[in-house]
């Protein structure tokens, strides 16, 4: 009984600390940008959702597992050097879920506005990145799982427009097709992810807005990942089922390379 009480007290303290995060503080964002967690849209959605029957799509444990698998399987393929013509990676971490990043993703998604927020940093993640996707249907036939998988695949498929030199040093400008969603997914400084989804209805159209936040964003002139012998810099060994990745115990500081 004493042990149970201790666990309950600790859980309450953690929840209280999370609730006390002041995202209106300028300390979390650079250049005076407002954090998406400062006065975020309520549930089920913000002012732009009015009259659109907004609904938060819960990212339950099954969908979390799907999102992680869709990312990590691809990251391992890249890190192994199997995604030609890209070089293998020396220390590509296994992505795991982060609730605060997911909460911040929800603060964007509930806006019912398809756009990157100006800042989604947290006390832990001072360089947080973001991928967004929007899908509209007159008649929804896909499951939420299929929709999420399709969104992630569309981000990753930007690899076909990406060159190794852009991975060696993220470019300040790019005149060709977008590559930033792929490079965000391929970042070796990112070990955490959190996502959210919002649904709303406009006329005959069902809209599904998917937002994923990552521990570290794309940084100009920094490598997306460091190339070399596969997993040679992993300090905790490889992931046994995804051998291109470091084990889930690998600690990656959420700062730029």
C-alpha atoms as a PDB file:
ATOM      1  CA  UNK A   1       0.000   0.000   0.000  1.00  0.00           C
ATOM      2  CA  UNK A   2       2.801   2.411   0.872  1.00  0.00           C
ATOM      3  CA  UNK A   3       4.445   1.738  -2.492  1.00  0.00           C
ATOM      4  CA  UNK A   4       1.180   2.414  -4.325  1.00  0.00           C
ATOM      5  CA  UNK A   5       0.718   5.719  -2.480  1.00  0.00           C
ATOM      6  CA  UNK A   6       4.274   6.767  -3.390  1.00  0.00           C
ATOM      7  CA  UNK A   7       3.690   6.033  -7.076  1.00  0.00           C
ATOM      8  CA  UNK A   8       0.418   7.965  -7.003  1.00  0.00           C
ATOM      9  CA  UNK A   9       2.085  10.986  -5.388  1.00  0.00           C
ATOM     10  CA  UNK A  10       4.917  10.964  -7.944  1.00  0.00           C
ATOM     11  CA  UNK A  11       2.404  10.730 -10.798  1.00  0.00           C
ATOM     12  CA  UNK A  12       0.489  13.716  -9.437  1.00  0.00           C
ATOM     13  CA  UNK A  13       3.679  15.736  -9.091  1.00  0.00           C
ATOM     14  CA  UNK A  14       4.720  14.985 -12.684  1.00  0.00           C
ATOM     15  CA  UNK A  15       1.265  15.913 -13.980  1.00  0.00           C
ATOM     16  CA  UNK A  16       1.379  19.114 -11.963  1.00  0.00           C
ATOM     17  CA  UNK A  17       4.761  20.093 -13.342  1.00  0.00           C
ATOM     18  CA  UNK A  18       3.558  19.527 -16.908  1.00  0.00           C
ATOM     19  CA  UNK A  19       0.476  21.641 -16.265  1.00  0.00           C
ATOM     20  CA  UNK A  20       2.648  24.475 -14.931  1.00  0.00           C
ATOM     21  CA  UNK A  21       4.670  24.921 -18.138  1.00  0.00           C
ATOM     22  CA  UNK A  22       4.268  28.571 -19.104  1.00  0.00           C
ATOM     23  CA  UNK A  23       4.411  28.578 -22.888  1.00  0.00           C
ATOM     24  CA  UNK A  24       3.748  32.312 -22.967  1.00  0.00           C
ATOM     25  CA  UNK A  25       7.264  32.816 -21.597  1.00  0.00           C
ATOM     26  CA  UNK A  26       9.696  34.189 -24.171  1.00  0.00           C
ATOM     27  CA  UNK A  27      12.361  31.820 -22.859  1.00  0.00           C
ATOM     28  CA  UNK A  28      11.172  28.940 -25.060  1.00  0.00           C
ATOM     29  CA  UNK A  29      11.186  30.695 -28.458  1.00  0.00           C
ATOM     30  CA  UNK A  30      13.724  32.767 -30.377  1.00  0.00           C
ATOM     31  CA  UNK A  31      13.266  36.194 -31.935  1.00  0.00           C
ATOM     32  CA  UNK A  32      10.110  36.974 -29.996  1.00  0.00           C
ATOM     33  CA  UNK A  33       8.058  34.250 -31.665  1.00  0.00           C
ATOM     34  CA  UNK A  34       4.955  33.048 -29.863  1.00  0.00           C
ATOM     35  CA  UNK A  35       4.883  29.436 -28.744  1.00  0.00           C
ATOM     36  CA  UNK A  36       1.971  27.375 -30.050  1.00  0.00           C
ATOM     37  CA  UNK A  37       1.375  26.328 -26.456  1.00  0.00           C
ATOM     38  CA  UNK A  38       0.638  29.925 -25.414  1.00  0.00           C
ATOM     39  CA  UNK A  39      -3.163  30.309 -25.273  1.00  0.00           C
ATOM     40  CA  UNK A  40      -3.694  27.289 -27.561  1.00  0.00           C
ATOM     41  CA  UNK A  41      -7.023  26.393 -29.206  1.00  0.00           C
ATOM     42  CA  UNK A  42      -9.427  24.622 -26.898  1.00  0.00           C
ATOM     43  CA  UNK A  43     -11.053  21.257 -27.467  1.00  0.00           C
ATOM     44  CA  UNK A  44     -12.490  20.378 -29.923  1.00  0.00           C
ATOM     45  CA  UNK A  45     -11.002  23.266 -31.929  1.00  0.00           C
ATOM     46  CA  UNK A  46     -10.120  26.943 -32.237  1.00  0.00           C
ATOM     47  CA  UNK A  47     -12.006  29.885 -33.801  1.00  0.00           C
ATOM     48  CA  UNK A  48     -11.236  28.798 -37.377  1.00  0.00           C
ATOM     49  CA  UNK A  49     -13.018  25.505 -36.647  1.00  0.00           C
ATOM     50  CA  UNK A  50     -16.335  27.249 -35.911  1.00  0.00           C
ATOM     51  CA  UNK A  51     -19.226  25.622 -37.766  1.00  0.00           C
ATOM     52  CA  UNK A  52     -16.987  22.865 -39.153  1.00  0.00           C
ATOM     53  CA  UNK A  53     -17.852  20.090 -36.687  1.00  0.00           C
ATOM     54  CA  UNK A  54     -14.241  19.810 -35.451  1.00  0.00           C
ATOM     55  CA  UNK A  55     -13.103  16.603 -33.809  1.00  0.00           C
ATOM     56  CA  UNK A  56      -9.807  15.587 -32.244  1.00  0.00           C
ATOM     57  CA  UNK A  57      -8.639  12.212 -33.561  1.00  0.00           C
ATOM     58  CA  UNK A  58      -7.100  10.439 -30.580  1.00  0.00           C
ATOM     59  CA  UNK A  59      -3.615   9.086 -31.267  1.00  0.00           C
ATOM     60  CA  UNK A  60      -3.926   5.989 -29.101  1.00  0.00           C
ATOM     61  CA  UNK A  61      -1.171   3.489 -28.353  1.00  0.00           C
ATOM     62  CA  UNK A  62      -1.907   1.516 -31.527  1.00  0.00           C
ATOM     63  CA  UNK A  63      -1.524   4.605 -33.708  1.00  0.00           C
ATOM     64  CA  UNK A  64       1.579   5.672 -31.781  1.00  0.00           C
ATOM     65  CA  UNK A  65       3.137   2.285 -32.529  1.00  0.00           C
ATOM     66  CA  UNK A  66       2.210   2.661 -36.199  1.00  0.00           C
ATOM     67  CA  UNK A  67       3.754   6.134 -36.436  1.00  0.00           C
ATOM     68  CA  UNK A  68       6.970   4.955 -34.789  1.00  0.00           C
ATOM     69  CA  UNK A  69       7.166   1.896 -37.038  1.00  0.00           C
ATOM     70  CA  UNK A  70       6.574   3.914 -40.211  1.00  0.00           C
ATOM     71  CA  UNK A  71       9.416   6.227 -39.219  1.00  0.00           C
ATOM     72  CA  UNK A  72      11.896   3.749 -37.755  1.00  0.00           C
ATOM     73  CA  UNK A  73      11.624   1.179 -40.548  1.00  0.00           C
ATOM     74  CA  UNK A  74      12.527   3.845 -43.081  1.00  0.00           C
ATOM     75  CA  UNK A  75      15.251   5.359 -40.903  1.00  0.00           C
ATOM     76  CA  UNK A  76      16.867   1.938 -40.550  1.00  0.00           C
ATOM     77  CA  UNK A  77      16.776   1.391 -44.303  1.00  0.00           C
ATOM     78  CA  UNK A  78      18.492   4.736 -44.850  1.00  0.00           C
ATOM     79  CA  UNK A  79      21.045   4.158 -42.094  1.00  0.00           C
ATOM     80  CA  UNK A  80      21.954   0.748 -43.538  1.00  0.00           C
ATOM     81  CA  UNK A  81      22.762   2.347 -46.889  1.00  0.00           C
ATOM     82  CA  UNK A  82      19.855   0.541 -48.547  1.00  0.00           C
ATOM     83  CA  UNK A  83      18.171   3.719 -49.771  1.00  0.00           C
ATOM     84  CA  UNK A  84      20.330   4.406 -52.789  1.00  0.00           C
ATOM     85  CA  UNK A  85      22.260   6.549 -53.496  1.00  0.00           C
ATOM     86  CA  UNK A  86      22.532   7.723 -49.880  1.00  0.00           C
ATOM     87  CA  UNK A  87      25.409   6.825 -47.580  1.00  0.00           C
ATOM     88  CA  UNK A  88      24.877   4.822 -44.364  1.00  0.00           C
ATOM     89  CA  UNK A  89      24.652   6.549 -40.973  1.00  0.00           C
ATOM     90  CA  UNK A  90      27.027   6.142 -38.031  1.00  0.00           C
ATOM     91  CA  UNK A  91      24.501   6.874 -35.264  1.00  0.00           C
ATOM     92  CA  UNK A  92      20.827   6.913 -36.218  1.00  0.00           C
ATOM     93  CA  UNK A  93      18.671   6.648 -33.080  1.00  0.00           C
ATOM     94  CA  UNK A  94      15.426   4.733 -32.726  1.00  0.00           C
ATOM     95  CA  UNK A  95      12.536   7.171 -32.446  1.00  0.00           C
ATOM     96  CA  UNK A  96      10.350   6.897 -29.346  1.00  0.00           C
ATOM     97  CA  UNK A  97       7.182   8.753 -28.362  1.00  0.00           C
ATOM     98  CA  UNK A  98       7.110  12.002 -26.410  1.00  0.00           C
ATOM     99  CA  UNK A  99       3.840  13.205 -24.900  1.00  0.00           C
ATOM    100  CA  UNK A 100       4.826  16.872 -24.660  1.00  0.00           C
ATOM    101  CA  UNK A 101       5.763  17.008 -28.353  1.00  0.00           C
ATOM    102  CA  UNK A 102       2.411  15.334 -29.092  1.00  0.00           C
ATOM    103  CA  UNK A 103       0.602  17.896 -26.925  1.00  0.00           C
ATOM    104  CA  UNK A 104       2.260  20.732 -28.832  1.00  0.00           C
ATOM    105  CA  UNK A 105       1.315  19.051 -32.132  1.00  0.00           C
ATOM    106  CA  UNK A 106      -2.287  19.021 -30.927  1.00  0.00           C
ATOM    107  CA  UNK A 107      -2.089  22.725 -30.142  1.00  0.00           C
ATOM    108  CA  UNK A 108      -1.343  23.279 -33.830  1.00  0.00           C
ATOM    109  CA  UNK A 109      -3.807  20.722 -35.208  1.00  0.00           C
ATOM    110  CA  UNK A 110      -6.791  22.092 -33.269  1.00  0.00           C
ATOM    111  CA  UNK A 111      -6.378  25.429 -35.060  1.00  0.00           C
ATOM    112  CA  UNK A 112      -8.038  23.894 -38.146  1.00  0.00           C
ATOM    113  CA  UNK A 113      -5.487  25.898 -40.145  1.00  0.00           C
ATOM    114  CA  UNK A 114      -2.980  24.076 -42.332  1.00  0.00           C
ATOM    115  CA  UNK A 115       0.248  25.853 -41.512  1.00  0.00           C
ATOM    116  CA  UNK A 116       3.413  25.446 -39.492  1.00  0.00           C
ATOM    117  CA  UNK A 117       3.312  27.209 -36.165  1.00  0.00           C
ATOM    118  CA  UNK A 118       6.146  29.659 -35.581  1.00  0.00           C
ATOM    119  CA  UNK A 119       7.478  27.807 -32.510  1.00  0.00           C
ATOM    120  CA  UNK A 120       6.656  24.549 -30.756  1.00  0.00           C
ATOM    121  CA  UNK A 121       9.662  24.318 -28.427  1.00  0.00           C
ATOM    122  CA  UNK A 122       9.347  22.779 -24.971  1.00  0.00           C
ATOM    123  CA  UNK A 123      11.509  22.995 -21.828  1.00  0.00           C
ATOM    124  CA  UNK A 124      13.397  19.923 -23.079  1.00  0.00           C
ATOM    125  CA  UNK A 125      13.286  20.477 -26.843  1.00  0.00           C
ATOM    126  CA  UNK A 126      14.603  23.937 -27.699  1.00  0.00           C
ATOM    127  CA  UNK A 127      14.978  23.155 -31.423  1.00  0.00           C
ATOM    128  CA  UNK A 128      11.758  21.245 -32.105  1.00  0.00           C
ATOM    129  CA  UNK A 129      10.848  20.550 -35.740  1.00  0.00           C
ATOM    130  CA  UNK A 130       7.571  19.792 -37.466  1.00  0.00           C
ATOM    131  CA  UNK A 131       5.995  17.981 -40.408  1.00  0.00           C
ATOM    132  CA  UNK A 132       2.389  18.630 -41.438  1.00  0.00           C
ATOM    133  CA  UNK A 133       0.007  16.998 -43.915  1.00  0.00           C
ATOM    134  CA  UNK A 134      -3.564  17.675 -45.030  1.00  0.00           C
ATOM    135  CA  UNK A 135      -5.940  15.229 -46.713  1.00  0.00           C
ATOM    136  CA  UNK A 136      -9.468  15.958 -47.947  1.00  0.00           C
ATOM    137  CA  UNK A 137     -12.132  13.500 -49.020  1.00  0.00           C
ATOM    138  CA  UNK A 138     -15.673  13.789 -50.299  1.00  0.00           C
ATOM    139  CA  UNK A 139     -16.137  10.236 -49.062  1.00  0.00           C
ATOM    140  CA  UNK A 140     -13.631   8.839 -46.571  1.00  0.00           C
ATOM    141  CA  UNK A 141     -12.867   5.187 -47.370  1.00  0.00           C
ATOM    142  CA  UNK A 142      -9.449   4.872 -45.723  1.00  0.00           C
ATOM    143  CA  UNK A 143      -8.962   4.017 -42.078  1.00  0.00           C
ATOM    144  CA  UNK A 144      -7.119   6.491 -39.851  1.00  0.00           C
ATOM    145  CA  UNK A 145      -4.185   4.058 -39.831  1.00  0.00           C
ATOM    146  CA  UNK A 146      -4.071   4.028 -43.628  1.00  0.00           C
ATOM    147  CA  UNK A 147      -4.294   7.802 -43.741  1.00  0.00           C
ATOM    148  CA  UNK A 148      -1.413   8.210 -41.291  1.00  0.00           C
ATOM    149  CA  UNK A 149       0.722   5.718 -43.215  1.00  0.00           C
ATOM    150  CA  UNK A 150       0.007   7.567 -46.459  1.00  0.00           C
ATOM    151  CA  UNK A 151       0.953  10.925 -44.945  1.00  0.00           C
ATOM    152  CA  UNK A 152       4.250   9.608 -43.606  1.00  0.00           C
ATOM    153  CA  UNK A 153       5.044   7.908 -46.924  1.00  0.00           C
ATOM    154  CA  UNK A 154       4.454  11.175 -48.794  1.00  0.00           C
ATOM    155  CA  UNK A 155       6.919  12.960 -46.506  1.00  0.00           C
ATOM    156  CA  UNK A 156       9.565  10.275 -46.916  1.00  0.00           C
ATOM    157  CA  UNK A 157       9.172  10.094 -50.690  1.00  0.00           C
ATOM    158  CA  UNK A 158      10.834  13.484 -50.978  1.00  0.00           C
ATOM    159  CA  UNK A 159      14.076  11.487 -50.839  1.00  0.00           C
ATOM    160  CA  UNK A 160      13.764  11.103 -54.606  1.00  0.00           C
ATOM    161  CA  UNK A 161      14.447  14.853 -54.935  1.00  0.00           C
ATOM    162  CA  UNK A 162      17.246  14.920 -52.350  1.00  0.00           C
ATOM    163  CA  UNK A 163      20.997  14.758 -52.898  1.00  0.00           C
ATOM    164  CA  UNK A 164      23.621  13.442 -50.501  1.00  0.00           C
ATOM    165  CA  UNK A 165      25.280  16.851 -50.336  1.00  0.00           C
ATOM    166  CA  UNK A 166      22.014  18.275 -48.996  1.00  0.00           C
ATOM    167  CA  UNK A 167      22.132  15.668 -46.237  1.00  0.00           C
ATOM    168  CA  UNK A 168      25.773  16.468 -45.515  1.00  0.00           C
ATOM    169  CA  UNK A 169      24.840  20.133 -45.044  1.00  0.00           C
ATOM    170  CA  UNK A 170      21.211  21.220 -44.994  1.00  0.00           C
ATOM    171  CA  UNK A 171      20.817  23.954 -47.647  1.00  0.00           C
ATOM    172  CA  UNK A 172      19.774  27.521 -46.904  1.00  0.00           C
ATOM    173  CA  UNK A 173      17.670  27.493 -50.065  1.00  0.00           C
ATOM    174  CA  UNK A 174      16.369  24.901 -52.495  1.00  0.00           C
ATOM    175  CA  UNK A 175      15.102  25.752 -55.971  1.00  0.00           C
ATOM    176  CA  UNK A 176      13.748  22.264 -56.614  1.00  0.00           C
ATOM    177  CA  UNK A 177      10.899  20.264 -55.079  1.00  0.00           C
ATOM    178  CA  UNK A 178      10.532  20.187 -51.297  1.00  0.00           C
ATOM    179  CA  UNK A 179      12.914  17.971 -49.318  1.00  0.00           C
ATOM    180  CA  UNK A 180      12.381  19.216 -45.765  1.00  0.00           C
ATOM    181  CA  UNK A 181       9.826  16.608 -44.704  1.00  0.00           C
ATOM    182  CA  UNK A 182      12.212  13.804 -45.660  1.00  0.00           C
ATOM    183  CA  UNK A 183      15.218  15.422 -44.024  1.00  0.00           C
ATOM    184  CA  UNK A 184      13.212  15.957 -40.834  1.00  0.00           C
ATOM    185  CA  UNK A 185      12.359  12.254 -40.744  1.00  0.00           C
ATOM    186  CA  UNK A 186      15.993  11.351 -41.458  1.00  0.00           C
ATOM    187  CA  UNK A 187      17.574  13.521 -38.742  1.00  0.00           C
ATOM    188  CA  UNK A 188      20.055  11.687 -36.521  1.00  0.00           C
ATOM    189  CA  UNK A 189      19.633  14.303 -33.784  1.00  0.00           C
ATOM    190  CA  UNK A 190      15.973  13.441 -33.462  1.00  0.00           C
ATOM    191  CA  UNK A 191      15.173  10.598 -31.058  1.00  0.00           C
ATOM    192  CA  UNK A 192      11.692  11.743 -30.009  1.00  0.00           C
ATOM    193  CA  UNK A 193       8.441  12.376 -31.845  1.00  0.00           C
ATOM    194  CA  UNK A 194       4.861  13.268 -30.942  1.00  0.00           C
ATOM    195  CA  UNK A 195       1.905  13.634 -33.303  1.00  0.00           C
ATOM    196  CA  UNK A 196      -1.728  14.741 -33.392  1.00  0.00           C
ATOM    197  CA  UNK A 197      -4.623  14.728 -35.849  1.00  0.00           C
ATOM    198  CA  UNK A 198      -7.687  16.939 -36.285  1.00  0.00           C
ATOM    199  CA  UNK A 199     -10.805  16.359 -38.384  1.00  0.00           C
ATOM    200  CA  UNK A 200     -13.339  18.912 -39.614  1.00  0.00           C
ATOM    201  CA  UNK A 201     -16.090  19.149 -42.232  1.00  0.00           C
ATOM    202  CA  UNK A 202     -16.511  21.877 -44.845  1.00  0.00           C
ATOM    203  CA  UNK A 203     -19.453  21.348 -47.167  1.00  0.00           C
ATOM    204  CA  UNK A 204     -19.102  17.871 -48.614  1.00  0.00           C
ATOM    205  CA  UNK A 205     -15.424  17.630 -47.718  1.00  0.00           C
ATOM    206  CA  UNK A 206     -13.924  15.799 -44.775  1.00  0.00           C
ATOM    207  CA  UNK A 207     -10.534  17.239 -43.813  1.00  0.00           C
ATOM    208  CA  UNK A 208      -7.857  15.395 -41.841  1.00  0.00           C
ATOM    209  CA  UNK A 209      -4.931  17.449 -40.597  1.00  0.00           C
ATOM    210  CA  UNK A 210      -1.900  15.501 -39.327  1.00  0.00           C
ATOM    211  CA  UNK A 211       0.929  17.143 -37.358  1.00  0.00           C
ATOM    212  CA  UNK A 212       4.138  15.539 -36.093  1.00  0.00           C
ATOM    213  CA  UNK A 213       6.679  17.335 -33.920  1.00  0.00           C
ATOM    214  CA  UNK A 214      10.299  16.182 -33.673  1.00  0.00           C
ATOM    215  CA  UNK A 215      12.984  16.749 -31.064  1.00  0.00           C
ATOM    216  CA  UNK A 216      15.258  18.687 -33.455  1.00  0.00           C
ATOM    217  CA  UNK A 217      14.397  20.557 -36.648  1.00  0.00           C
ATOM    218  CA  UNK A 218      16.348  20.969 -39.901  1.00  0.00           C
ATOM    219  CA  UNK A 219      19.263  23.333 -39.249  1.00  0.00           C
ATOM    220  CA  UNK A 220      20.900  25.231 -42.121  1.00  0.00           C
ATOM    221  CA  UNK A 221      24.538  24.280 -42.800  1.00  0.00           C
ATOM    222  CA  UNK A 222      24.372  21.348 -40.353  1.00  0.00           C
ATOM    223  CA  UNK A 223      24.320  17.677 -41.371  1.00  0.00           C
ATOM    224  CA  UNK A 224      20.966  15.920 -41.417  1.00  0.00           C
ATOM    225  CA  UNK A 225      22.914  12.841 -40.346  1.00  0.00           C
ATOM    226  CA  UNK A 226      26.567  11.892 -40.153  1.00  0.00           C
ATOM    227  CA  UNK A 227      27.603   9.354 -42.765  1.00  0.00           C
ATOM    228  CA  UNK A 228      29.986   6.448 -42.209  1.00  0.00           C
ATOM    229  CA  UNK A 229      30.084   2.805 -41.160  1.00  0.00           C
ATOM    230  CA  UNK A 230      26.636   1.620 -40.094  1.00  0.00           C
ATOM    231  CA  UNK A 231      25.935   2.201 -36.382  1.00  0.00           C
ATOM    232  CA  UNK A 232      29.668   2.559 -35.700  1.00  0.00           C
ATOM    233  CA  UNK A 233      29.082   5.450 -33.286  1.00  0.00           C
ATOM    234  CA  UNK A 234      26.171   3.894 -31.377  1.00  0.00           C
ATOM    235  CA  UNK A 235      27.250   3.731 -27.735  1.00  0.00           C
ATOM    236  CA  UNK A 236      24.566   1.254 -26.626  1.00  0.00           C
ATOM    237  CA  UNK A 237      24.633  -1.160 -29.555  1.00  0.00           C
ATOM    238  CA  UNK A 238      22.129  -1.682 -32.330  1.00  0.00           C
ATOM    239  CA  UNK A 239      18.383  -2.094 -32.327  1.00  0.00           C
ATOM    240  CA  UNK A 240      17.988  -5.900 -32.624  1.00  0.00           C
ATOM    241  CA  UNK A 241      15.048  -5.711 -35.034  1.00  0.00           C
ATOM    242  CA  UNK A 242      16.081  -2.576 -36.951  1.00  0.00           C
ATOM    243  CA  UNK A 243      19.852  -3.013 -37.288  1.00  0.00           C
ATOM    244  CA  UNK A 244      20.481   0.314 -38.980  1.00  0.00           C
ATOM    245  CA  UNK A 245      19.427   2.080 -35.782  1.00  0.00           C
ATOM    246  CA  UNK A 246      20.995   2.411 -32.362  1.00  0.00           C
ATOM    247  CA  UNK A 247      19.209   0.684 -29.496  1.00  0.00           C
ATOM    248  CA  UNK A 248      16.307   2.443 -27.786  1.00  0.00           C
ATOM    249  CA  UNK A 249      18.666   3.077 -24.842  1.00  0.00           C
ATOM    250  CA  UNK A 250      20.820   5.445 -26.909  1.00  0.00           C
ATOM    251  CA  UNK A 251      20.845   8.941 -25.431  1.00  0.00           C
ATOM    252  CA  UNK A 252      20.816  11.730 -28.002  1.00  0.00           C
ATOM    253  CA  UNK A 253      21.045  15.335 -26.844  1.00  0.00           C
ATOM    254  CA  UNK A 254      18.237  17.263 -28.599  1.00  0.00           C
ATOM    255  CA  UNK A 255      20.537  19.893 -30.076  1.00  0.00           C
ATOM    256  CA  UNK A 256      21.827  20.516 -33.621  1.00  0.00           C
ATOM    257  CA  UNK A 257      24.759  18.476 -34.964  1.00  0.00           C
END
